[in-house]
Amino acid sequence: MAKRKKGSKVQKRAKLRRGNSAKRGKSRKVAKTAKRTVAKAKPKPAPVKKATRKVKQPVAPAVETVAVEVIEQPAPGVITVTEVEETEIRKAS
């Protein structure tokens, strides 16, 4: 690009300003164009149907029952019977 000539430093007479012709440098802003919908060459792919998630069946808690019966004969004619029953419920994990 060609360089601008430097003006002389001697004081010049004031010139009449004419509109915007004296201004220099600022570039014009380009107006934004409105977007137009253009027909596309290939159609959009059909939406894929997602598989439904399986719901887990609630697991029943494990119930364990233990019954113990002890029959003892510490002496002749004496019988001792001991019964113990225990129930344990384990939480489902």
N, C-alpha and C. Protein backbone atom coordinates (compact mmCIF):
# COMPACT_ATOMS: atom_id res chain seq x y z
N MET A 1 0.83 -1.19 0.00
CA MET A 1 0.00 0.00 0.00
C MET A 1 0.87 1.25 0.00
N ALA A 2 0.35 2.27 -0.63
CA ALA A 2 1.10 3.53 -0.70
C ALA A 2 1.04 4.24 0.64
N LYS A 3 2.14 4.89 1.02
CA LYS A 3 2.17 5.63 2.28
C LYS A 3 1.53 7.00 2.10
N ARG A 4 0.95 7.51 3.19
CA ARG A 4 0.38 8.87 3.15
C ARG A 4 1.49 9.89 3.18
N LYS A 5 1.24 10.98 2.51
CA LYS A 5 2.23 12.07 2.57
C LYS A 5 2.06 12.82 3.88
N LYS A 6 3.19 13.18 4.48
CA LYS A 6 3.11 13.95 5.72
C LYS A 6 2.82 15.41 5.36
N GLY A 7 1.90 16.02 6.10
CA GLY A 7 1.59 17.43 5.87
C GLY A 7 2.72 18.30 6.40
N SER A 8 2.94 19.47 5.82
CA SER A 8 4.01 20.35 6.31
C SER A 8 3.62 20.92 7.66
N LYS A 9 4.63 21.30 8.43
CA LYS A 9 4.37 21.78 9.78
C LYS A 9 3.96 23.25 9.81
N VAL A 10 3.95 23.90 8.65
CA VAL A 10 3.55 25.31 8.58
C VAL A 10 2.05 25.39 8.83
N GLN A 11 1.63 26.42 9.59
CA GLN A 11 0.22 26.54 9.92
C GLN A 11 -0.58 26.84 8.66
N LYS A 12 -1.63 26.06 8.45
CA LYS A 12 -2.46 26.24 7.26
C LYS A 12 -3.74 26.94 7.63
N ARG A 13 -4.37 27.55 6.60
CA ARG A 13 -5.67 28.17 6.83
C ARG A 13 -6.70 27.08 7.07
N ALA A 14 -7.65 27.41 7.94
CA ALA A 14 -8.69 26.44 8.24
C ALA A 14 -9.57 26.25 7.03
N LYS A 15 -9.77 24.99 6.66
CA LYS A 15 -10.62 24.70 5.51
C LYS A 15 -12.03 24.42 5.99
N LEU A 16 -12.97 24.62 5.11
CA LEU A 16 -14.35 24.27 5.43
C LEU A 16 -14.45 22.76 5.55
N ARG A 17 -15.14 22.33 6.57
CA ARG A 17 -15.31 20.88 6.72
C ARG A 17 -16.52 20.46 5.91
N ARG A 18 -16.32 19.48 5.10
CA ARG A 18 -17.42 19.02 4.26
C ARG A 18 -17.86 17.63 4.71
N GLY A 19 -19.02 17.57 5.34
CA GLY A 19 -19.62 16.28 5.73
C GLY A 19 -18.63 15.34 6.40
N ASN A 20 -18.55 14.16 5.87
CA ASN A 20 -17.65 13.15 6.43
C ASN A 20 -16.43 12.92 5.55
N SER A 21 -16.31 13.70 4.49
CA SER A 21 -15.21 13.44 3.56
C SER A 21 -13.85 13.70 4.20
N ALA A 22 -13.79 14.58 5.20
CA ALA A 22 -12.52 14.88 5.83
C ALA A 22 -12.09 13.77 6.78
N LYS A 23 -13.06 12.99 7.27
CA LYS A 23 -12.71 11.93 8.21
C LYS A 23 -11.90 10.86 7.51
N ARG A 24 -11.08 10.20 8.27
CA ARG A 24 -10.24 9.18 7.67
C ARG A 24 -10.12 7.98 8.62
N GLY A 25 -9.91 6.83 8.08
CA GLY A 25 -9.52 5.69 8.89
C GLY A 25 -10.61 4.73 9.30
N LYS A 26 -11.75 5.23 9.83
CA LYS A 26 -12.73 4.28 10.37
C LYS A 26 -13.33 3.45 9.25
N SER A 27 -13.31 2.15 9.45
CA SER A 27 -13.90 1.29 8.44
C SER A 27 -15.40 1.15 8.72
N ARG A 28 -16.16 0.96 7.65
CA ARG A 28 -17.61 0.85 7.78
C ARG A 28 -18.00 -0.48 8.37
N LYS A 29 -19.00 -0.44 9.25
CA LYS A 29 -19.50 -1.69 9.81
C LYS A 29 -20.42 -2.33 8.78
N VAL A 30 -20.23 -3.62 8.58
CA VAL A 30 -21.05 -4.33 7.62
C VAL A 30 -22.31 -4.81 8.34
N ALA A 31 -23.46 -4.55 7.72
CA ALA A 31 -24.73 -4.96 8.32
C ALA A 31 -24.83 -6.48 8.28
N LYS A 32 -25.37 -7.03 9.36
CA LYS A 32 -25.52 -8.48 9.43
C LYS A 32 -26.66 -8.91 8.52
N THR A 33 -26.42 -9.96 7.77
CA THR A 33 -27.47 -10.45 6.88
C THR A 33 -28.36 -11.41 7.65
N ALA A 34 -29.64 -11.37 7.33
CA ALA A 34 -30.58 -12.26 8.01
C ALA A 34 -30.34 -13.69 7.54
N LYS A 35 -30.36 -14.62 8.49
CA LYS A 35 -30.12 -16.02 8.14
C LYS A 35 -31.36 -16.58 7.45
N ARG A 36 -31.14 -17.27 6.37
CA ARG A 36 -32.25 -17.88 5.65
C ARG A 36 -32.16 -19.38 5.78
N THR A 37 -33.32 -20.02 5.84
CA THR A 37 -33.32 -21.47 5.93
C THR A 37 -33.10 -22.03 4.53
N VAL A 38 -32.11 -22.87 4.43
CA VAL A 38 -31.75 -23.44 3.14
C VAL A 38 -32.09 -24.92 3.18
N ALA A 39 -32.65 -25.41 2.09
CA ALA A 39 -32.98 -26.83 2.02
C ALA A 39 -31.69 -27.64 2.07
N LYS A 40 -31.63 -28.59 3.00
CA LYS A 40 -30.42 -29.38 3.16
C LYS A 40 -30.44 -30.59 2.24
N ALA A 41 -29.27 -31.00 1.84
CA ALA A 41 -29.15 -32.09 0.88
C ALA A 41 -29.62 -33.42 1.46
N LYS A 42 -29.21 -33.71 2.71
CA LYS A 42 -29.64 -34.99 3.27
C LYS A 42 -30.54 -34.77 4.48
N PRO A 43 -31.57 -35.60 4.62
CA PRO A 43 -32.50 -35.42 5.73
C PRO A 43 -31.87 -35.80 7.07
N LYS A 44 -32.45 -35.27 8.13
CA LYS A 44 -31.94 -35.58 9.47
C LYS A 44 -32.20 -37.06 9.77
N PRO A 45 -31.30 -37.70 10.51
CA PRO A 45 -31.54 -39.10 10.86
C PRO A 45 -32.72 -39.21 11.82
N ALA A 46 -33.47 -40.29 11.69
CA ALA A 46 -34.63 -40.51 12.54
C ALA A 46 -34.18 -40.69 13.98
N PRO A 47 -34.92 -40.14 14.95
CA PRO A 47 -34.50 -40.29 16.35
C PRO A 47 -34.50 -41.76 16.78
N VAL A 48 -33.45 -42.13 17.48
CA VAL A 48 -33.29 -43.51 17.93
C VAL A 48 -34.10 -43.71 19.20
N LYS A 49 -34.89 -44.77 19.23
CA LYS A 49 -35.71 -45.05 20.42
C LYS A 49 -34.82 -45.70 21.47
N LYS A 50 -34.77 -45.07 22.63
CA LYS A 50 -33.92 -45.60 23.70
C LYS A 50 -34.63 -46.74 24.41
N ALA A 51 -33.86 -47.76 24.79
CA ALA A 51 -34.42 -48.90 25.50
C ALA A 51 -34.79 -48.47 26.91
N THR A 52 -35.95 -48.92 27.37
CA THR A 52 -36.38 -48.56 28.72
C THR A 52 -35.56 -49.35 29.73
N ARG A 53 -35.25 -48.68 30.82
CA ARG A 53 -34.44 -49.34 31.85
C ARG A 53 -35.29 -50.34 32.62
N LYS A 54 -34.68 -51.47 32.91
CA LYS A 54 -35.39 -52.49 33.68
C LYS A 54 -35.37 -52.11 35.15
N VAL A 55 -36.53 -52.24 35.79
CA VAL A 55 -36.63 -51.93 37.21
C VAL A 55 -36.31 -53.19 37.99
N LYS A 56 -35.37 -53.06 38.92
CA LYS A 56 -35.00 -54.22 39.72
C LYS A 56 -36.13 -54.58 40.66
N GLN A 57 -36.40 -55.88 40.75
CA GLN A 57 -37.43 -56.36 41.67
C GLN A 57 -36.89 -56.23 43.09
N PRO A 58 -37.72 -55.75 44.03
CA PRO A 58 -37.22 -55.65 45.40
C PRO A 58 -36.94 -57.05 45.96
N VAL A 59 -35.73 -57.21 46.49
CA VAL A 59 -35.32 -58.50 47.03
C VAL A 59 -35.83 -58.63 48.46
N ALA A 60 -36.48 -59.73 48.71
CA ALA A 60 -37.03 -59.97 50.06
C ALA A 60 -35.87 -60.23 51.03
N PRO A 61 -35.96 -59.70 52.23
CA PRO A 61 -34.88 -59.93 53.19
C PRO A 61 -34.81 -61.41 53.59
N ALA A 62 -33.59 -61.89 53.77
CA ALA A 62 -33.40 -63.30 54.12
C ALA A 62 -33.76 -63.50 55.60
N VAL A 63 -34.68 -64.42 55.82
CA VAL A 63 -35.10 -64.75 57.19
C VAL A 63 -34.59 -66.15 57.50
N GLU A 64 -33.84 -66.23 58.58
CA GLU A 64 -33.26 -67.52 58.97
C GLU A 64 -33.70 -67.84 60.40
N THR A 65 -34.36 -68.98 60.56
CA THR A 65 -34.82 -69.39 61.89
C THR A 65 -34.09 -70.67 62.30
N VAL A 66 -33.52 -70.64 63.49
CA VAL A 66 -32.80 -71.80 64.02
C VAL A 66 -33.47 -72.23 65.33
N ALA A 67 -33.90 -73.49 65.38
CA ALA A 67 -34.52 -74.03 66.61
C ALA A 67 -33.63 -75.16 67.13
N VAL A 68 -33.22 -75.03 68.39
CA VAL A 68 -32.35 -76.05 69.01
C VAL A 68 -33.07 -76.60 70.25
N GLU A 69 -33.11 -77.92 70.32
CA GLU A 69 -33.74 -78.58 71.48
C GLU A 69 -32.73 -79.56 72.05
N VAL A 70 -32.36 -79.34 73.31
CA VAL A 70 -31.35 -80.19 73.95
C VAL A 70 -32.04 -80.96 75.09
N ILE A 71 -31.92 -82.27 75.01
CA ILE A 71 -32.49 -83.12 76.06
C ILE A 71 -31.31 -83.79 76.80
N GLU A 72 -31.22 -83.50 78.09
CA GLU A 72 -30.12 -84.05 78.90
C GLU A 72 -30.68 -84.92 80.03
N GLN A 73 -29.88 -85.89 80.46
CA GLN A 73 -30.23 -86.73 81.61
C GLN A 73 -29.03 -86.73 82.56
N PRO A 74 -28.92 -85.62 83.35
CA PRO A 74 -27.75 -85.52 84.22
C PRO A 74 -27.69 -86.62 85.29
N ALA A 75 -28.84 -87.07 85.73
CA ALA A 75 -28.87 -88.14 86.74
C ALA A 75 -30.02 -89.08 86.37
N PRO A 76 -29.98 -90.36 86.84
CA PRO A 76 -31.08 -91.27 86.51
C PRO A 76 -32.40 -90.76 87.06
N GLY A 77 -33.39 -90.66 86.12
CA GLY A 77 -34.72 -90.18 86.53
C GLY A 77 -34.90 -88.68 86.41
N VAL A 78 -33.82 -87.95 86.10
CA VAL A 78 -33.91 -86.48 85.95
C VAL A 78 -33.66 -86.14 84.47
N ILE A 79 -34.65 -85.49 83.87
CA ILE A 79 -34.52 -85.12 82.45
C ILE A 79 -34.62 -83.59 82.35
N THR A 80 -33.64 -82.99 81.65
CA THR A 80 -33.64 -81.55 81.43
C THR A 80 -33.83 -81.29 79.93
N VAL A 81 -34.82 -80.46 79.59
CA VAL A 81 -35.07 -80.11 78.19
C VAL A 81 -34.83 -78.60 78.03
N THR A 82 -33.96 -78.25 77.11
CA THR A 82 -33.66 -76.84 76.85
C THR A 82 -34.02 -76.55 75.40
N GLU A 83 -34.87 -75.53 75.21
CA GLU A 83 -35.25 -75.13 73.84
C GLU A 83 -34.75 -73.72 73.57
N VAL A 84 -34.11 -73.56 72.43
CA VAL A 84 -33.63 -72.23 72.02
C VAL A 84 -34.10 -72.01 70.58
N GLU A 85 -34.77 -70.87 70.37
CA GLU A 85 -35.21 -70.53 69.00
C GLU A 85 -34.69 -69.14 68.67
N GLU A 86 -34.03 -69.03 67.53
CA GLU A 86 -33.43 -67.75 67.15
C GLU A 86 -33.84 -67.42 65.71
N THR A 87 -34.30 -66.19 65.50
CA THR A 87 -34.66 -65.74 64.16
C THR A 87 -33.77 -64.58 63.77
N GLU A 88 -33.13 -64.72 62.59
CA GLU A 88 -32.22 -63.67 62.12
C GLU A 88 -32.77 -63.13 60.79
N ILE A 89 -32.93 -61.81 60.73
CA ILE A 89 -33.41 -61.18 59.49
C ILE A 89 -32.27 -60.34 58.92
N ARG A 90 -31.80 -60.75 57.73
CA ARG A 90 -30.73 -60.01 57.09
C ARG A 90 -31.32 -59.06 56.07
N LYS A 91 -30.83 -57.84 56.07
CA LYS A 91 -31.33 -56.83 55.12
C LYS A 91 -30.91 -57.18 53.71
N ALA A 92 -31.77 -56.86 52.76
CA ALA A 92 -31.44 -57.10 51.35
C ALA A 92 -30.39 -56.09 50.92
N SER A 93 -29.36 -56.59 50.24
CA SER A 93 -28.29 -55.67 49.82
C SER A 93 -28.42 -55.36 48.35
